[in-house]
Protein backbone atom coordinates (compact mmCIF):
# COMPACT_ATOMS: atom_id res chain seq x y z
CA MET A 1 13.18 -7.77 -19.26
CA PRO A 2 11.91 -5.48 -22.27
CA GLU A 3 10.74 -1.95 -21.43
CA HIS A 4 7.10 -1.14 -22.19
CA ARG A 5 6.04 1.85 -24.27
CA LEU A 6 2.87 4.21 -23.75
CA THR A 7 1.21 6.79 -25.80
CA THR A 8 -1.93 8.60 -25.09
CA LEU A 9 -3.88 9.20 -28.21
CA PRO A 10 -6.10 12.74 -28.63
CA GLY A 11 -9.40 11.01 -27.60
CA GLY A 12 -7.79 9.85 -24.32
CA GLU A 13 -7.33 6.33 -24.92
CA ARG A 14 -3.93 4.91 -23.90
CA VAL A 15 -2.12 2.51 -25.84
CA ILE A 16 0.92 0.31 -23.89
CA SER A 17 2.89 -2.44 -25.44
CA GLU A 18 6.03 -4.52 -24.76
CA ARG A 19 8.04 -6.06 -27.62
CA ILE A 20 9.13 -9.72 -27.14
CA ASP A 21 11.84 -10.58 -29.69
CA GLY A 22 11.94 -14.29 -30.96
CA VAL A 23 8.26 -14.72 -30.94
CA ARG A 24 5.59 -15.00 -33.65
CA SER A 25 2.39 -14.04 -31.84
CA VAL A 26 0.86 -10.96 -30.40
CA ALA A 27 -1.49 -10.74 -27.35
CA LEU A 28 -3.91 -8.00 -27.62
CA GLY A 29 -6.47 -6.62 -24.92
CA LEU A 30 -8.87 -3.65 -25.13
CA TRP A 31 -9.74 -2.99 -21.50
CA ILE A 32 -12.53 -0.80 -20.02
CA GLY A 33 -12.41 0.80 -16.80
CA ALA A 34 -15.85 -0.40 -15.73
CA GLY A 35 -17.18 -3.38 -14.13
CA SER A 36 -20.00 -4.59 -11.66
CA ARG A 37 -19.09 -2.34 -9.02
CA ASP A 38 -19.64 0.82 -11.21
CA GLU A 39 -23.63 -0.22 -12.00
CA PRO A 40 -26.72 1.24 -10.14
CA PRO A 41 -28.90 -1.61 -8.43
CA ALA A 42 -31.34 -1.09 -11.60
CA LYS A 43 -28.52 -2.32 -13.92
CA ALA A 44 -26.80 -4.72 -12.00
CA GLY A 45 -25.18 -7.01 -14.33
CA VAL A 46 -25.24 -4.72 -17.44
CA SER A 47 -21.34 -4.80 -17.75
CA HIS A 48 -21.27 -8.56 -18.18
CA PHE A 49 -24.25 -8.30 -20.63
CA ILE A 50 -22.62 -5.94 -22.90
CA GLU A 51 -19.66 -8.02 -22.61
CA HIS A 52 -21.69 -11.05 -24.17
CA LEU A 53 -23.36 -8.69 -26.67
CA LEU A 54 -20.02 -7.33 -28.09
CA PHE A 55 -19.58 -10.67 -29.89
CA LYS A 56 -23.07 -10.49 -31.57
CA GLY A 57 -22.05 -7.99 -34.07
CA SER A 58 -20.96 -4.57 -34.98
CA SER A 59 -21.18 -1.76 -37.27
CA ARG A 60 -19.01 -3.56 -39.79
CA TYR A 61 -18.93 -7.17 -38.79
CA SER A 62 -21.57 -9.83 -38.00
CA ALA A 63 -21.53 -12.21 -35.25
CA ARG A 64 -20.47 -15.06 -37.87
CA ASP A 65 -17.94 -12.74 -39.65
CA ILE A 66 -16.17 -12.37 -36.08
CA ALA A 67 -16.10 -16.11 -35.33
CA GLU A 68 -14.95 -16.89 -38.78
CA MET A 69 -12.35 -14.13 -38.85
CA PHE A 70 -10.39 -15.34 -35.56
CA ASP A 71 -11.01 -18.86 -36.45
CA ALA A 72 -9.16 -18.20 -39.71
CA MET A 73 -6.27 -16.53 -37.94
CA GLY A 74 -5.82 -19.65 -35.62
CA GLY A 75 -6.54 -17.22 -32.65
CA GLU A 76 -9.12 -17.28 -30.01
CA LEU A 77 -11.15 -14.14 -29.08
CA ASN A 78 -12.65 -13.91 -25.60
CA ALA A 79 -13.64 -11.39 -22.84
CA ALA A 80 -14.12 -11.35 -19.17
CA THR A 81 -15.94 -8.93 -16.92
CA SER A 82 -14.77 -8.33 -13.11
CA ARG A 83 -15.99 -5.90 -10.47
CA GLU A 84 -13.91 -3.11 -11.80
CA THR A 85 -12.90 -3.98 -15.49
CA THR A 86 -13.88 -5.58 -18.58
CA VAL A 87 -11.65 -6.82 -21.11
CA VAL A 88 -11.78 -8.20 -24.79
CA TYR A 89 -8.63 -10.29 -25.56
CA THR A 90 -6.84 -12.34 -28.16
CA ARG A 91 -3.50 -13.88 -29.30
CA VAL A 92 -2.92 -14.05 -32.89
CA PRO A 93 -0.11 -14.70 -35.47
CA ASP A 94 1.83 -11.41 -35.60
CA ASP A 95 0.92 -10.94 -39.13
CA HIS A 96 -2.84 -10.85 -38.31
CA THR A 97 -2.35 -8.02 -35.77
CA ALA A 98 -3.94 -5.01 -37.71
CA GLN A 99 -7.08 -7.30 -38.78
CA ALA A 100 -7.59 -8.67 -35.27
CA LEU A 101 -7.23 -5.01 -33.69
CA ASP A 102 -9.58 -3.59 -36.39
CA ALA A 103 -12.35 -6.21 -35.46
CA MET A 104 -12.00 -5.82 -31.85
CA VAL A 105 -12.18 -1.87 -32.06
CA ASP A 106 -15.27 -2.14 -33.97
CA MET A 107 -16.93 -4.59 -31.72
CA VAL A 108 -15.87 -2.79 -28.63
CA PHE A 109 -16.80 0.86 -29.66
CA GLU A 110 -19.53 0.02 -32.30
CA PRO A 111 -21.69 -2.89 -31.13
CA SER A 112 -24.90 -3.40 -32.86
CA PHE A 113 -26.61 -5.01 -29.77
CA ALA A 114 -28.05 -7.40 -31.99
CA ASP A 115 -29.83 -10.65 -31.05
CA LEU A 116 -30.33 -9.01 -27.58
CA ASP A 117 -33.25 -11.50 -26.60
CA SER A 118 -31.44 -14.50 -27.55
CA GLU A 119 -28.22 -13.39 -25.77
CA ARG A 120 -30.36 -12.32 -22.62
CA GLU A 121 -31.45 -16.18 -22.42
CA VAL A 122 -27.99 -17.22 -22.75
CA VAL A 123 -26.86 -14.95 -19.73
CA LEU A 124 -30.08 -16.03 -17.87
CA GLU A 125 -28.96 -19.61 -18.40
CA GLU A 126 -25.55 -18.51 -17.22
CA ILE A 127 -27.19 -17.20 -13.82
CA ALA A 128 -29.14 -20.36 -13.44
CA MET A 129 -25.84 -22.38 -13.80
CA VAL A 130 -24.21 -20.49 -10.99
CA GLU A 131 -27.35 -21.17 -8.94
CA ASP A 132 -27.21 -24.63 -9.40
CA ASN A 133 -23.50 -24.89 -8.78
CA PRO A 134 -22.83 -24.18 -4.96
CA GLN A 135 -18.93 -23.92 -5.36
CA ASP A 136 -19.39 -20.96 -7.35
CA LEU A 137 -22.58 -19.66 -5.71
CA VAL A 138 -20.93 -19.57 -2.19
CA HIS A 139 -18.34 -16.91 -3.29
CA ASP A 140 -21.35 -14.61 -4.36
CA VAL A 141 -22.80 -15.08 -0.92
CA ALA A 142 -19.46 -14.39 0.73
CA ALA A 143 -18.80 -11.12 -1.16
CA GLU A 144 -22.53 -10.04 0.09
CA VAL A 145 -21.80 -10.80 3.72
CA VAL A 146 -18.56 -8.89 3.62
CA PHE A 147 -19.66 -5.82 1.84
CA GLY A 148 -23.39 -5.79 2.44
CA SER A 149 -25.44 -3.55 0.13
CA HIS A 150 -22.48 -1.95 -1.44
CA PRO A 151 -21.95 -2.79 -5.20
CA LEU A 152 -18.72 -4.81 -4.58
CA GLY A 153 -21.28 -7.41 -2.61
CA ARG A 154 -23.10 -8.22 -5.76
CA PRO A 155 -22.48 -10.91 -8.09
CA VAL A 156 -20.54 -9.83 -11.25
CA ILE A 157 -22.97 -11.89 -13.54
CA GLY A 158 -25.91 -9.83 -12.36
CA ARG A 159 -29.38 -10.57 -11.19
CA ALA A 160 -32.09 -12.35 -13.14
CA GLU A 161 -34.65 -9.87 -12.68
CA VAL A 162 -32.49 -7.06 -14.12
CA ILE A 163 -31.16 -9.11 -17.28
CA SER A 164 -34.77 -10.16 -18.01
CA SER A 165 -36.00 -6.76 -18.46
CA ILE A 166 -33.25 -4.27 -19.27
CA GLY A 167 -33.57 -2.77 -22.88
CA ARG A 168 -31.43 -1.91 -25.47
CA ARG A 169 -31.66 1.85 -24.78
CA ALA A 170 -30.37 1.33 -21.19
CA LEU A 171 -27.64 -0.78 -22.66
CA ARG A 172 -26.53 1.87 -25.16
CA SER A 173 -26.70 4.43 -22.48
CA TYR A 174 -24.44 2.46 -20.15
CA HIS A 175 -22.01 1.69 -23.10
CA GLY A 176 -21.80 5.42 -24.06
CA ALA A 177 -20.97 6.45 -20.22
CA ALA A 178 -18.31 3.72 -19.79
CA TYR A 179 -16.73 2.82 -23.26
CA VAL A 180 -15.00 6.35 -23.73
CA GLY A 181 -11.41 7.44 -24.51
CA ALA A 182 -10.03 8.07 -21.01
CA ASN A 183 -11.41 4.78 -19.62
CA ILE A 184 -10.10 2.68 -22.41
CA VAL A 185 -6.42 0.95 -22.61
CA LEU A 186 -5.32 -1.03 -25.34
CA ALA A 187 -2.55 -3.31 -24.12
CA ALA A 188 -0.24 -5.55 -26.32
CA ALA A 189 2.67 -7.82 -25.85
CA GLY A 190 4.73 -9.87 -28.32
CA ASN A 191 5.97 -9.23 -31.76
CA VAL A 192 4.48 -5.74 -31.92
CA GLU A 193 5.44 -2.43 -33.24
CA HIS A 194 4.16 0.17 -30.90
CA ASP A 195 3.97 3.17 -33.09
CA ARG A 196 2.03 1.10 -35.82
CA LEU A 197 -0.42 -0.09 -33.08
CA ALA A 198 -1.14 3.49 -31.90
CA GLU A 199 -1.56 4.46 -35.47
CA LEU A 200 -4.04 1.80 -36.14
CA LEU A 201 -6.13 2.55 -33.03
CA GLY A 202 -5.81 6.45 -33.70
CA ARG A 203 -6.96 5.93 -37.32
CA ARG A 204 -10.19 4.17 -36.15
CA ARG A 205 -10.86 6.57 -33.23
CA GLY A 206 -9.75 9.89 -34.47
CA ASN A 207 -10.52 12.58 -31.86
CA ALA A 208 -13.38 10.76 -30.42
CA SER A 209 -13.70 11.61 -26.61
CA GLY A 210 -16.04 12.33 -23.83
CA PRO A 211 -16.08 12.18 -20.06
CA VAL A 212 -16.31 9.22 -18.13
CA ARG A 213 -19.97 9.35 -16.72
CA LEU A 214 -20.13 6.43 -14.33
CA VAL A 215 -20.10 7.40 -10.63
CA ARG A 216 -18.10 4.59 -8.58
CA LYS A 217 -19.32 4.18 -5.01
CA ALA A 218 -16.45 4.14 -2.61
CA VAL A 219 -16.36 1.62 0.41
CA GLN A 220 -16.72 3.78 3.50
CA ARG A 221 -17.07 0.96 5.78
CA THR A 222 -17.81 -2.73 5.98
CA PRO A 223 -20.31 -4.35 8.14
CA GLY A 224 -18.79 -6.59 11.01
CA PRO A 225 -18.58 -10.26 10.77
CA SER A 226 -21.80 -12.29 10.13
CA ALA A 227 -23.12 -15.62 8.87
CA ARG A 228 -25.07 -15.99 6.07
CA PHE A 229 -26.24 -19.73 4.95
CA LEU A 230 -28.52 -21.15 1.87
CA ARG A 231 -30.21 -24.20 2.23
CA LYS A 232 -29.81 -26.58 -0.80
CA ASP A 233 -29.69 -30.51 -1.25
CA THR A 234 -25.90 -30.80 -1.72
CA GLU A 235 -23.68 -33.64 -0.56
CA GLN A 236 -21.09 -31.35 0.77
CA TYR A 237 -21.21 -28.20 2.87
CA HIS A 238 -19.44 -25.42 0.96
CA VAL A 239 -18.34 -22.77 3.02
CA VAL A 240 -16.37 -19.56 2.45
CA LEU A 241 -14.54 -17.59 5.67
CA SER A 242 -14.26 -14.05 4.15
CA GLY A 243 -13.39 -10.67 5.38
CA PRO A 244 -11.99 -7.05 4.08
CA GLY A 245 -8.42 -7.25 2.71
CA VAL A 246 -5.90 -4.79 1.33
CA SER A 247 -6.38 -2.68 -1.81
CA ARG A 248 -4.51 -3.17 -4.92
CA SER A 249 -2.27 0.31 -4.07
CA ASP A 250 -1.46 -0.94 -0.47
CA ASP A 251 2.22 -1.73 0.04
CA ARG A 252 1.48 -4.69 2.12
CA ARG A 253 -0.24 -6.37 -1.17
CA TYR A 254 3.27 -8.42 -1.34
CA ALA A 255 2.96 -9.60 2.11
CA ALA A 256 -0.81 -10.42 1.42
CA SER A 257 0.41 -12.74 -1.44
CA LEU A 258 2.80 -14.42 0.64
CA LEU A 259 0.15 -14.98 3.36
CA ASP A 260 -2.21 -16.51 0.78
CA ALA A 261 0.56 -18.88 -0.33
CA ILE A 262 1.32 -19.81 3.27
CA VAL A 263 -2.19 -20.40 4.35
CA GLY A 264 -3.84 -22.03 1.38
CA GLY A 265 -2.62 -20.71 -2.20
CA SER A 266 -0.51 -24.02 -2.91
CA ALA A 267 -0.34 -27.61 -2.63
CA SER A 268 2.02 -27.27 0.31
CA SER A 269 0.07 -24.70 2.10
CA ARG A 270 -1.07 -25.10 5.65
CA LEU A 271 -4.69 -25.86 4.84
CA PHE A 272 -4.01 -28.17 2.02
CA GLN A 273 -1.76 -30.03 3.98
CA GLU A 274 -3.68 -30.27 7.14
CA ILE A 275 -7.13 -30.65 6.03
CA ARG A 276 -6.86 -32.59 2.69
CA GLU A 277 -3.37 -34.37 2.80
CA LYS A 278 -3.06 -35.36 6.43
CA ARG A 279 -6.83 -35.66 7.48
CA GLY A 280 -8.66 -36.20 4.36
CA MET A 281 -11.34 -34.09 5.36
CA ALA A 282 -11.98 -32.20 2.14
CA TYR A 283 -11.11 -32.57 -1.57
CA SER A 284 -11.02 -28.75 -2.14
CA VAL A 285 -9.77 -26.25 0.14
CA TYR A 286 -7.93 -23.10 -0.80
CA SER A 287 -7.36 -19.43 0.03
CA TYR A 288 -7.70 -16.31 -2.28
CA GLY A 289 -7.48 -12.65 -2.48
CA SER A 290 -9.13 -9.92 -4.41
CA GLN A 291 -7.85 -6.35 -4.48
CA TYR A 292 -9.99 -3.32 -5.57
CA ALA A 293 -9.39 0.26 -5.50
CA GLU A 294 -9.77 1.39 -2.08
CA THR A 295 -10.23 -2.14 -0.30
CA GLY A 296 -9.85 -5.84 -0.88
CA GLN A 297 -11.45 -9.16 0.16
CA VAL A 298 -9.66 -12.35 1.53
CA GLY A 299 -11.30 -15.78 1.49
CA ILE A 300 -10.83 -19.57 2.39
CA TYR A 301 -13.07 -22.10 0.66
CA ILE A 302 -13.79 -25.43 2.09
CA GLY A 303 -16.06 -28.32 0.61
CA THR A 304 -16.76 -31.01 3.06
CA ARG A 305 -19.24 -33.58 4.36
CA GLY A 306 -21.45 -32.35 7.13
CA ASP A 307 -19.50 -34.90 9.62
CA ASN A 308 -16.25 -33.03 8.79
CA LEU A 309 -17.47 -29.41 9.04
CA ALA A 310 -16.83 -28.49 12.44
CA SER A 311 -13.28 -30.09 12.60
CA CYS A 312 -12.47 -28.41 9.38
CA LEU A 313 -13.31 -25.03 10.84
CA ASP A 314 -11.62 -25.81 13.95
CA VAL A 315 -8.30 -26.69 12.06
CA THR A 316 -8.86 -23.64 9.95
CA ALA A 317 -8.73 -21.53 13.09
CA ALA A 318 -5.80 -23.04 14.86
CA GLU A 319 -3.77 -22.47 11.69
CA LEU A 320 -4.87 -18.87 11.21
CA ARG A 321 -4.02 -18.11 14.80
CA ASP A 322 -0.48 -19.78 14.35
CA VAL A 323 0.25 -17.94 11.37
CA GLY A 324 -0.90 -14.62 13.29
CA GLU A 325 1.44 -15.56 16.00
CA GLY A 326 4.33 -15.72 13.60
CA ASP A 327 4.84 -19.28 14.31
CA LEU A 328 5.98 -20.34 10.75
CA ASN A 329 7.73 -23.47 10.17
CA PRO A 330 11.41 -23.52 9.15
CA GLY A 331 11.83 -22.37 5.44
CA GLU A 332 7.89 -21.79 5.24
CA LEU A 333 8.21 -17.92 4.25
CA GLU A 334 11.35 -18.69 1.82
CA ARG A 335 9.15 -21.37 -0.06
CA ALA A 336 6.29 -19.13 -0.46
CA LYS A 337 8.66 -16.51 -1.74
CA GLU A 338 10.02 -19.20 -4.22
CA ASN A 339 6.71 -20.00 -5.16
CA LEU A 340 6.03 -16.46 -6.16
CA ARG A 341 9.13 -15.92 -7.73
CA GLY A 342 8.80 -19.07 -9.93
CA ARG A 343 5.16 -18.07 -11.04
CA LEU A 344 6.49 -14.72 -12.07
CA LEU A 345 9.17 -15.95 -14.08
CA LEU A 346 7.02 -18.62 -15.80
CA ALA A 347 4.56 -15.91 -16.46
CA GLN A 348 7.38 -13.73 -18.59
CA GLU A 349 7.19 -16.78 -21.21
CA SER A 350 3.44 -15.84 -21.94
CA THR A 351 2.72 -12.94 -24.12
CA SER A 352 -1.06 -13.22 -22.66
CA SER A 353 0.32 -12.90 -19.19
CA ARG A 354 2.68 -9.89 -20.08
CA MET A 355 -0.23 -8.24 -22.07
CA ASN A 356 -2.54 -8.72 -18.91
CA ARG A 357 -0.08 -7.37 -16.65
CA LEU A 358 0.24 -4.18 -18.74
CA GLY A 359 -3.61 -3.58 -19.12
CA ARG A 360 -4.36 -4.42 -15.74
CA ALA A 361 -1.99 -1.95 -14.17
CA LEU A 362 -2.92 0.87 -16.53
CA ILE A 363 -6.55 0.51 -16.43
CA THR A 364 -6.60 0.42 -12.69
CA ASP A 365 -4.00 3.21 -12.14
CA ILE A 366 -1.52 0.95 -10.11
CA GLU A 367 2.29 1.25 -10.30
CA LEU A 368 3.63 -0.82 -13.13
CA VAL A 369 6.65 -2.60 -11.23
CA SER A 370 9.36 -4.34 -13.08
CA LEU A 371 9.82 -7.88 -12.39
CA GLU A 372 13.31 -7.01 -10.66
CA GLU A 373 11.74 -4.82 -8.32
CA THR A 374 8.62 -7.05 -7.73
CA ILE A 375 11.04 -9.88 -6.67
CA ALA A 376 12.84 -7.32 -4.20
CA ARG A 377 9.70 -6.41 -2.72
CA ILE A 378 8.74 -10.02 -2.21
CA ASP A 379 12.20 -10.73 -0.83
CA ALA A 380 11.91 -7.69 1.81
CA VAL A 381 8.69 -9.11 3.38
CA GLY A 382 9.66 -10.52 6.83
CA ILE A 383 7.86 -12.95 9.24
CA GLU A 384 6.42 -10.39 11.25
CA ASP A 385 4.74 -8.47 8.13
CA VAL A 386 3.16 -11.70 7.42
CA ALA A 387 1.96 -12.32 10.85
CA GLN A 388 0.60 -8.76 11.39
CA LEU A 389 -1.26 -8.87 8.18
CA ALA A 390 -2.80 -12.12 9.16
CA ARG A 391 -3.88 -10.75 12.51
CA GLU A 392 -5.73 -7.80 10.84
CA THR A 393 -7.20 -9.89 7.97
CA LEU A 394 -7.42 -13.66 8.83
CA ALA A 395 -8.00 -13.60 12.60
CA PRO A 396 -11.20 -15.78 13.09
CA GLU A 397 -13.11 -13.28 15.04
CA ALA A 398 -12.85 -10.77 12.08
CA LEU A 399 -14.00 -13.35 9.48
CA SER A 400 -17.74 -13.63 8.32
CA VAL A 401 -19.09 -17.14 7.24
CA ALA A 402 -20.83 -17.92 4.23
CA GLY A 403 -22.34 -21.38 3.87
CA ILE A 404 -24.35 -23.72 1.40
CA GLY A 405 -25.67 -27.02 2.61
CA THR A 406 -28.43 -29.01 3.84
CA SER A 407 -28.64 -28.11 7.69
CA GLU A 408 -28.34 -24.71 9.00
CA LYS A 409 -28.41 -25.82 12.61
CA ARG A 410 -25.30 -27.85 11.70
CA PHE A 411 -23.86 -25.02 10.00
CA ARG A 412 -24.59 -22.53 12.75
CA SER A 413 -23.14 -24.91 15.33
CA ALA A 414 -19.72 -24.99 13.59
CA VAL A 415 -19.60 -21.39 12.90
CA ALA A 416 -20.30 -20.65 16.92
CA ARG A 417 -16.94 -22.77 17.56
CA PHE A 418 -15.03 -20.75 14.78
CA ASN A 419 -16.07 -17.23 15.23
CA PRO A 420 -19.10 -16.65 18.13
CA LEU A 421 -19.29 -12.97 16.82
CA ALA A 422 -20.35 -13.96 13.24
CA HIS A 423 -22.68 -16.76 14.76
CA ALA A 424 -24.18 -14.17 17.00
CA ALA A 425 -24.54 -11.60 14.23
């Protein structure tokens, strides 16, 4: 596996890259260590709003210039905001690396914040779209019920009342506090020359630096399990069973990935097989995990008709208890390990996946583990490691329940059977 190289510029920006022979593309990502959890309540959603505005023009390029430039390269420019990071990324032919990076640097560090009101309307439409999509909205409800009033419990996309009123001055203030040297990582993978990449960024940035002025509120404790319901006229009930999980630096994250694969993270997982394949009680059922600096979140999503709601939760509770007792089927853990190994190996064939691995690790200050070491750590996980983590994070009595549907009475009746503690809260 190719070795990465790392350079820290005078302004504090870090450049990390991995050269891959035999490809003619370069994946580039400018990562910013700021997301929705770094926002005060009065600016909820500002990270995501700024991400949109980066595409509306910069000191040297208009929005049309940017679009036409990347179209002409044959590349696609995109961006994403999460609870702890923002990233602007692209994949272009290697002979366009300098041009692509020049435009991205100008967008990220010198946005014009043009067309503010028209893009405000776009984001408000995006918020309205989530409100109209219960499959998405229920995950925001789940985060709120797990983390309460902490910023991790707020939707990344923000609140309409904030986006509709926030002004250019507040946006520039937040941008100036977050988009500074030590909070920036340039990651690249593909047919790229590391020294040239560092030179290109250094030339544009010079000695620009400054302290990161965001204050990240740590999670001291999370509320106990409870239930939250939103009434909407839907054909299905959309339910998320959720609770605190492991942090991204926790050594148990490898066991967490295997637990997810066993419970609901694949087509052969327990919940997919038991609820969808054997009983036909749901079209969509899956588990997931999110890992943050000092905590995490686990979740199980089920979309089902009202007649099947209680039965789905009963089956889920039984499967979670079974895994927590270490009662795994022959080959179940090994199949989950093979699933993770396969996904890791397939990701090695993507320059974008490799860039994301480098950038995410560096911007979130986690250990950058080689493919070989990652597989060794996965192989070292035993049945009791998975069972213990299941007892700690996925025991029914530890999980909150978020739901969207037509009848709160029916929802709470099903919750009472799954976790009486959540029902009573």
